[in-house]
Amino acid sequence: MLPYPLLLRIRHPAITVLMPEASTVLETHRVAPYPWLLADVGGSNARFGWVPHAGCVPQHVRTLAVAEYPEFIDAARAYLDSLAHAGLPGERQPGSAAFAVATAPGEERVELTNSGWGFSRRRMRQQLGLRGPLLVLNDFEALALSLPSLRANQWQSTPTQASGDGSALAAPRFDVPVAVVGPGTGLGVAGLLPTRAGWLAVPGEGGHATLAPADDFESALLAAARREFPHVSAERFLSGIGLPVLYRSLAEVRGERALPEVDAKWIVERALAQDDALASACIESFCAMLGGFAGSVALTFAARGGVFIGGGIVPRLGPVFERSAFRERFEAKGRFSGFLRAVPTALVTDTLVALDGAAQALLQHA
């Protein structure tokens, strides 16, 4: 058996898609018995899905708030109990499971970075009564695995992208490496590399890499943040937990008063309503610095196929993101600006695609 399923290349006008060959899928399914329990676990929400048999996309998707459950197993059991109320016929006991988690999963113990949840792989498998595998992968590893099969209603080109001569850039392609960056509760980063046997997702903790300033103003923002944190990572500004830090730093640099105890939701809402100048400036800086960071990720992976923006924040920004300096800063890399000018950027608009990636991980498991 191959370590990854054989892939057939299918093209449609917007995107190049790689699909598993049917005979290999059937062979792989012997290793991962159905039904499949899927989860995408972040710092704020846990999204669950169910795949009853071969050929199905994740269904009965439900989002549960992390804060409402003491442990991950409690949320998983609540989801499984909810299937009984959804009129789901037949077996409700999962045969296999794949969990995409917002952390670097350990070999046995898994601790979530931005919540108090944690679990033992061995104990979790026993608690769920699985006959087949339990896969635990980084959430952005799962998001990366979902990219080649994104449907047209799950992504869009970034509105700000244009090449130097004003012409539109090409759509993402999947015969070369791609990357994904996602500001959610935290900041996720992953790459997706083509191999002779299939796609290889490369998870990482790039969100915790040191954030680089592009000019003196951003240097001042970082200096203000360093008075609060000894290390200012990209996640300290470019995430849900980071937006309030950026807001406070911006207030200090501008000599203005920051409102106490604001959160990311408030900042985004005020920027969209255009009724708070500091919140609007915060989102402008967020988009610009995200562009610079995404350009660095593109160079790191040599992601000629494109860089996707995932996570829950950017899809909510709408016209604010469209008018932002994201794409300008994405390309602003000196001698490599020409390289980045040809790299497409795209926005993942469906926040549930990591469930598709978790299913793909089970499909490829051997």
Protein backbone atom coordinates (compact mmCIF):
# COMPACT_ATOMS: atom_id res chain seq x y z
CA MET A 1 0.00 0.00 0.00
CA LEU A 2 1.26 3.48 -0.86
CA PRO A 3 1.75 5.90 2.05
CA TYR A 4 -0.51 8.36 0.21
CA PRO A 5 -3.30 7.67 -2.29
CA LEU A 6 -2.53 8.01 -5.97
CA LEU A 7 -3.85 11.33 -7.25
CA LEU A 8 -5.60 12.29 -10.45
CA ARG A 9 -5.13 15.87 -11.66
CA ILE A 10 -8.35 17.59 -12.67
CA ARG A 11 -8.49 21.17 -13.95
CA HIS A 12 -11.36 23.62 -13.88
CA PRO A 13 -11.24 27.31 -14.85
CA ALA A 14 -10.45 28.63 -11.38
CA ILE A 15 -8.16 26.12 -9.74
CA THR A 16 -6.18 22.91 -10.26
CA VAL A 17 -7.60 20.08 -8.14
CA LEU A 18 -6.00 16.78 -7.17
CA MET A 19 -8.42 13.97 -6.36
CA PRO A 20 -7.63 10.52 -4.92
CA GLU A 21 -7.87 7.60 -7.34
CA ALA A 22 -10.93 5.50 -6.44
CA SER A 23 -9.16 2.14 -6.14
CA THR A 24 -6.63 3.56 -3.69
CA VAL A 25 -9.39 5.19 -1.63
CA LEU A 26 -11.16 1.85 -1.23
CA GLU A 27 -7.94 0.20 -0.12
CA THR A 28 -7.23 2.96 2.40
CA HIS A 29 -10.72 2.69 3.89
CA ARG A 30 -9.88 -0.75 5.29
CA VAL A 31 -7.47 1.05 7.64
CA ALA A 32 -9.95 3.72 8.73
CA PRO A 33 -13.32 2.06 9.43
CA TYR A 34 -16.44 4.19 9.26
CA PRO A 35 -18.15 6.24 10.64
CA TRP A 36 -15.55 8.99 11.04
CA LEU A 37 -15.68 11.59 13.82
CA LEU A 38 -13.94 14.81 12.79
CA ALA A 39 -13.05 17.85 14.87
CA ASP A 40 -11.37 21.20 14.33
CA VAL A 41 -10.41 22.48 17.78
CA GLY A 42 -9.32 26.09 18.24
CA GLY A 43 -8.89 28.30 21.26
CA SER A 44 -12.51 29.52 21.23
CA ASN A 45 -14.55 26.95 19.32
CA ALA A 46 -14.56 23.24 18.56
CA ARG A 47 -16.21 22.30 15.26
CA PHE A 48 -17.35 18.72 14.79
CA GLY A 49 -18.36 16.77 11.71
CA TRP A 50 -19.46 13.24 10.81
CA VAL A 51 -18.66 11.07 7.80
CA PRO A 52 -20.97 8.03 7.87
CA HIS A 53 -19.50 6.14 4.91
CA ALA A 54 -17.24 6.40 1.85
CA GLY A 55 -18.01 9.14 -0.64
CA CYS A 56 -19.53 11.56 1.89
CA VAL A 57 -18.32 15.04 2.74
CA PRO A 58 -18.41 16.01 6.45
CA GLN A 59 -22.01 16.46 7.57
CA HIS A 60 -24.00 17.23 10.72
CA VAL A 61 -21.45 19.99 11.37
CA ARG A 62 -21.83 21.69 14.74
CA THR A 63 -19.78 24.33 16.54
CA LEU A 64 -19.40 24.16 20.34
CA ALA A 65 -17.84 26.86 22.54
CA VAL A 66 -14.67 25.62 24.26
CA ALA A 67 -15.48 27.61 27.41
CA GLU A 68 -18.71 25.66 27.93
CA TYR A 69 -17.02 22.27 28.42
CA PRO A 70 -14.44 21.28 31.04
CA GLU A 71 -12.58 18.89 28.72
CA PHE A 72 -12.48 18.03 25.04
CA ILE A 73 -14.06 14.61 25.66
CA ASP A 74 -17.08 16.36 27.20
CA ALA A 75 -17.59 18.39 24.02
CA ALA A 76 -17.09 15.29 21.84
CA ARG A 77 -19.70 13.36 23.82
CA ALA A 78 -22.11 16.29 23.64
CA TYR A 79 -21.71 16.30 19.86
CA LEU A 80 -22.24 12.53 19.59
CA ASP A 81 -25.35 12.85 21.78
CA SER A 82 -26.64 15.58 19.47
CA LEU A 83 -26.56 13.18 16.52
CA ALA A 84 -29.43 11.28 18.10
CA HIS A 85 -31.54 14.45 17.99
CA ALA A 86 -30.65 15.11 14.36
CA GLY A 87 -32.53 12.08 13.09
CA LEU A 88 -29.28 10.32 12.17
CA PRO A 89 -30.06 6.73 11.23
CA GLY A 90 -27.86 3.78 12.05
CA GLU A 91 -24.55 3.66 13.87
CA ARG A 92 -23.57 6.65 16.02
CA GLN A 93 -20.43 5.03 17.43
CA PRO A 94 -17.37 6.34 15.55
CA GLY A 95 -15.05 3.79 14.02
CA SER A 96 -12.17 6.24 13.40
CA ALA A 97 -11.45 9.87 14.27
CA ALA A 98 -9.26 12.75 13.14
CA PHE A 99 -8.81 15.90 15.22
CA ALA A 100 -7.23 19.10 13.92
CA VAL A 101 -5.95 20.98 16.96
CA ALA A 102 -4.54 24.49 17.43
CA THR A 103 -1.21 23.34 18.84
CA ALA A 104 1.83 21.24 18.04
CA PRO A 105 0.44 17.83 19.08
CA GLY A 106 2.71 15.70 21.24
CA GLU A 107 3.26 12.01 20.60
CA GLU A 108 0.97 10.95 23.45
CA ARG A 109 -0.21 14.04 25.32
CA VAL A 110 -1.95 16.88 23.44
CA GLU A 111 -2.19 20.30 25.09
CA LEU A 112 -4.10 23.13 23.37
CA THR A 113 -2.08 26.36 23.16
CA ASN A 114 -4.87 28.91 23.72
CA SER A 115 -7.27 27.00 25.96
CA GLY A 116 -7.14 24.76 29.02
CA TRP A 117 -8.04 21.60 27.12
CA GLY A 118 -5.68 18.66 26.85
CA PHE A 119 -5.97 14.91 26.39
CA SER A 120 -4.08 11.65 26.10
CA ARG A 121 -4.28 10.01 22.66
CA ARG A 122 -4.47 6.54 24.19
CA ARG A 123 -7.13 7.51 26.71
CA MET A 124 -9.18 9.40 24.09
CA ARG A 125 -9.21 6.38 21.79
CA GLN A 126 -10.49 4.24 24.67
CA GLN A 127 -13.11 6.80 25.71
CA LEU A 128 -14.50 6.98 22.18
CA GLY A 129 -14.36 3.20 21.70
CA LEU A 130 -12.61 3.48 18.34
CA ARG A 131 -11.89 0.37 16.28
CA GLY A 132 -9.73 2.29 13.83
CA PRO A 133 -7.13 5.05 14.08
CA LEU A 134 -7.24 8.29 16.00
CA LEU A 135 -5.27 10.93 14.09
CA VAL A 136 -4.29 14.18 15.80
CA LEU A 137 -2.84 16.83 13.51
CA ASN A 138 -2.13 20.52 13.69
CA ASP A 139 -5.15 22.56 12.60
CA PHE A 140 -3.20 24.25 9.83
CA GLU A 141 -1.87 20.93 8.64
CA ALA A 142 -5.54 19.99 8.16
CA LEU A 143 -6.30 23.32 6.51
CA ALA A 144 -3.41 22.80 4.11
CA LEU A 145 -4.67 19.32 3.19
CA SER A 146 -8.06 20.79 2.34
CA LEU A 147 -6.72 23.35 -0.17
CA PRO A 148 -6.50 21.26 -3.38
CA SER A 149 -10.16 20.25 -3.10
CA LEU A 150 -11.62 23.63 -2.16
CA ARG A 151 -14.94 24.22 -3.86
CA ALA A 152 -15.72 27.49 -5.64
CA ASN A 153 -17.88 28.74 -2.77
CA GLN A 154 -15.12 28.19 -0.20
CA TRP A 155 -12.48 30.65 -1.44
CA GLN A 156 -11.95 33.85 -3.41
CA SER A 157 -9.00 35.80 -4.75
CA THR A 158 -7.87 38.62 -2.51
CA PRO A 159 -9.51 41.81 -3.85
CA THR A 160 -6.30 43.79 -3.54
CA GLN A 161 -4.20 41.57 -5.78
CA ALA A 162 -2.87 43.05 -9.01
CA SER A 163 0.45 42.70 -10.76
CA GLY A 164 2.75 45.65 -11.37
CA ASP A 165 1.14 46.49 -14.73
CA GLY A 166 -2.38 46.45 -13.24
CA SER A 167 -3.43 43.11 -14.74
CA ALA A 168 -5.07 40.44 -12.59
CA LEU A 169 -2.86 37.68 -11.24
CA ALA A 170 -3.36 34.01 -12.05
CA ALA A 171 -5.45 31.75 -9.82
CA PRO A 172 -3.66 29.49 -7.33
CA ARG A 173 -2.08 26.36 -8.80
CA PHE A 174 -1.19 23.05 -7.20
CA ASP A 175 1.69 21.62 -9.21
CA VAL A 176 4.10 23.66 -7.05
CA PRO A 177 4.21 24.45 -3.31
CA VAL A 178 1.49 26.56 -1.68
CA ALA A 179 1.19 27.97 1.82
CA VAL A 180 -1.55 29.05 4.20
CA VAL A 181 -1.53 31.70 6.93
CA GLY A 182 -4.49 32.13 9.24
CA PRO A 183 -5.30 34.70 11.91
CA GLY A 184 -7.91 33.20 14.23
CA THR A 185 -7.67 33.02 18.01
CA GLY A 186 -3.97 32.45 17.31
CA LEU A 187 -1.94 32.61 14.10
CA GLY A 188 -1.46 29.41 12.11
CA VAL A 189 1.02 28.68 9.33
CA ALA A 190 1.51 25.62 7.11
CA GLY A 191 2.83 24.61 3.73
CA LEU A 192 1.62 22.06 1.19
CA LEU A 193 4.21 20.38 -1.01
CA PRO A 194 3.65 18.17 -4.06
CA THR A 195 5.38 14.78 -3.98
CA ARG A 196 5.38 11.84 -6.38
CA ALA A 197 3.06 9.97 -4.00
CA GLY A 198 0.65 12.80 -3.22
CA TRP A 199 0.43 15.95 -1.11
CA LEU A 200 2.56 16.47 1.98
CA ALA A 201 1.29 19.03 4.51
CA VAL A 202 4.07 20.72 6.48
CA PRO A 203 2.74 22.08 9.78
CA GLY A 204 4.71 24.56 11.80
CA GLU A 205 4.58 27.15 14.53
CA GLY A 206 5.37 30.09 12.28
CA GLY A 207 2.92 32.28 14.15
CA HIS A 208 5.39 32.34 17.04
CA ALA A 209 8.27 33.55 14.87
CA THR A 210 9.52 37.05 15.67
CA LEU A 211 7.50 39.72 13.89
CA ALA A 212 9.59 42.04 11.70
CA PRO A 213 8.76 45.75 11.24
CA ALA A 214 8.72 47.30 7.77
CA ASP A 215 9.41 50.91 8.82
CA ASP A 216 10.07 53.17 11.80
CA PHE A 217 6.38 53.38 12.68
CA GLU A 218 6.08 49.60 12.97
CA SER A 219 9.36 49.52 14.92
CA ALA A 220 7.73 51.88 17.43
CA LEU A 221 4.68 49.58 17.65
CA LEU A 222 6.93 46.62 18.39
CA ALA A 223 8.88 48.61 20.96
CA ALA A 224 5.63 49.48 22.74
CA ALA A 225 4.58 45.82 22.74
CA ARG A 226 7.97 44.74 24.11
CA ARG A 227 7.25 46.76 27.23
CA GLU A 228 4.42 44.27 27.80
CA PHE A 229 5.98 41.09 26.35
CA PRO A 230 9.66 40.13 26.16
CA HIS A 231 9.14 38.50 22.76
CA VAL A 232 6.80 39.98 20.16
CA SER A 233 5.85 37.16 17.82
CA ALA A 234 3.64 37.57 14.77
CA GLU A 235 0.77 36.14 16.82
CA ARG A 236 1.12 38.98 19.35
CA PHE A 237 -0.35 41.35 16.73
CA LEU A 238 -1.87 39.21 13.96
CA SER A 239 -4.52 37.17 15.76
CA GLY A 240 -7.61 37.40 17.92
CA ILE A 241 -5.53 37.46 21.08
CA GLY A 242 -3.10 39.84 19.39
CA LEU A 243 -5.43 42.56 18.12
CA PRO A 244 -5.92 44.11 21.61
CA VAL A 245 -2.11 44.19 22.00
CA LEU A 246 -1.78 45.97 18.65
CA TYR A 247 -4.57 48.37 19.67
CA ARG A 248 -2.80 49.29 22.94
CA SER A 249 0.57 49.66 21.21
CA LEU A 250 -0.96 51.88 18.55
CA ALA A 251 -2.57 54.09 21.20
CA GLU A 252 0.79 54.51 22.95
CA VAL A 253 2.64 55.40 19.74
CA ARG A 254 -0.07 57.87 18.67
CA GLY A 255 -0.29 59.38 22.14
CA GLU A 256 -3.97 58.50 22.46
CA ARG A 257 -5.99 56.82 25.19
CA ALA A 258 -6.84 53.17 24.63
CA LEU A 259 -10.17 52.00 26.00
CA PRO A 260 -9.60 49.36 28.70
CA GLU A 261 -10.33 45.66 28.16
CA VAL A 262 -11.33 45.78 24.50
CA ASP A 263 -11.30 42.49 22.59
CA ALA A 264 -10.80 41.53 18.94
CA LYS A 265 -14.54 41.40 18.25
CA TRP A 266 -15.00 44.96 19.47
CA ILE A 267 -12.05 46.24 17.42
CA VAL A 268 -13.31 44.59 14.22
CA GLU A 269 -16.89 45.82 14.75
CA ARG A 270 -15.78 49.40 15.41
CA ALA A 271 -13.47 49.39 12.39
CA LEU A 272 -16.27 48.12 10.14
CA ALA A 273 -18.66 50.73 11.51
CA GLN A 274 -15.96 53.40 11.09
CA ASP A 275 -16.94 55.01 14.39
CA ASP A 276 -13.64 54.60 16.28
CA ALA A 277 -10.50 56.04 14.68
CA LEU A 278 -8.10 54.00 16.80
CA ALA A 279 -9.89 50.72 15.99
CA SER A 280 -9.85 51.60 12.28
CA ALA A 281 -6.12 52.38 12.41
CA CYS A 282 -5.56 49.11 14.27
CA ILE A 283 -7.18 47.06 11.49
CA GLU A 284 -5.27 49.01 8.83
CA SER A 285 -1.99 48.12 10.56
CA PHE A 286 -3.17 44.54 11.04
CA CYS A 287 -3.84 44.08 7.31
CA ALA A 288 -0.56 45.69 6.29
CA MET A 289 1.55 43.66 8.71
CA LEU A 290 -0.33 40.49 7.77
CA GLY A 291 0.62 41.15 4.15
CA GLY A 292 4.27 41.51 5.09
CA PHE A 293 4.19 38.34 7.17
CA ALA A 294 2.40 36.37 4.44
CA GLY A 295 5.03 37.49 1.94
CA SER A 296 7.75 36.15 4.25
CA VAL A 297 5.91 32.81 4.49
CA ALA A 298 5.64 32.71 0.68
CA LEU A 299 9.41 33.14 0.41
CA THR A 300 10.08 30.53 3.11
CA PHE A 301 8.10 27.85 1.27
CA ALA A 302 8.86 29.16 -2.24
CA ALA A 303 5.07 29.04 -2.55
CA ARG A 304 4.80 29.80 -6.25
CA GLY A 305 1.34 28.23 -6.31
CA GLY A 306 -0.10 30.81 -3.95
CA VAL A 307 -0.64 31.83 -0.36
CA PHE A 308 -4.08 31.25 1.16
CA ILE A 309 -5.37 33.36 4.05
CA GLY A 310 -7.45 31.31 6.47
CA GLY A 311 -8.73 31.85 9.99
CA GLY A 312 -11.84 33.63 11.15
CA ILE A 313 -10.77 37.29 11.21
CA VAL A 314 -10.03 38.35 7.63
CA PRO A 315 -13.28 37.04 6.06
CA ARG A 316 -15.17 39.38 8.42
CA LEU A 317 -13.29 42.49 7.28
CA GLY A 318 -14.91 42.76 3.84
CA PRO A 319 -14.31 46.18 2.24
CA VAL A 320 -11.79 47.17 4.92
CA PHE A 321 -9.52 44.35 3.76
CA GLU A 322 -10.23 45.19 0.11
CA ARG A 323 -8.92 48.73 0.64
CA SER A 324 -5.98 47.67 2.78
CA ALA A 325 -2.26 47.58 2.05
CA PHE A 326 -2.19 43.77 2.33
CA ARG A 327 -1.13 43.01 -1.22
CA GLU A 328 1.25 45.97 -1.47
CA ARG A 329 3.05 44.79 1.65
CA PHE A 330 2.95 41.16 0.50
CA GLU A 331 5.06 42.11 -2.51
CA ALA A 332 7.36 44.60 -0.75
CA LYS A 333 10.40 42.35 -0.36
CA GLY A 334 13.17 44.25 -2.11
CA ARG A 335 15.06 42.08 -4.58
CA PHE A 336 12.33 39.41 -4.38
CA SER A 337 9.39 41.71 -5.10
CA GLY A 338 9.32 40.36 -8.65
CA PHE A 339 9.08 36.80 -7.35
CA LEU A 340 6.14 37.69 -5.10
CA ARG A 341 4.39 39.76 -7.76
CA ALA A 342 3.66 36.48 -9.56
CA VAL A 343 2.44 34.63 -6.45
CA PRO A 344 -1.38 34.58 -6.14
CA THR A 345 -3.05 35.27 -2.81
CA ALA A 346 -6.48 33.89 -1.97
CA LEU A 347 -8.90 34.11 0.93
CA VAL A 348 -10.47 30.96 2.40
CA THR A 349 -14.02 32.10 3.11
CA ASP A 350 -15.33 28.85 4.63
CA THR A 351 -14.21 28.48 8.25
CA LEU A 352 -15.07 24.76 8.28
CA VAL A 353 -12.60 23.51 5.66
CA ALA A 354 -10.23 22.06 8.29
CA LEU A 355 -12.84 19.31 8.74
CA ASP A 356 -12.34 18.42 5.07
CA GLY A 357 -8.61 18.34 5.71
CA ALA A 358 -9.07 16.04 8.72
CA ALA A 359 -11.08 13.70 6.51
CA GLN A 360 -8.30 13.82 3.90
CA ALA A 361 -5.78 12.86 6.60
CA LEU A 362 -7.82 9.73 7.36
CA LEU A 363 -8.11 9.03 3.65
CA GLN A 364 -4.32 9.17 3.28
CA HIS A 365 -3.61 7.25 6.48
CA ALA A 366 -1.84 3.93 6.10
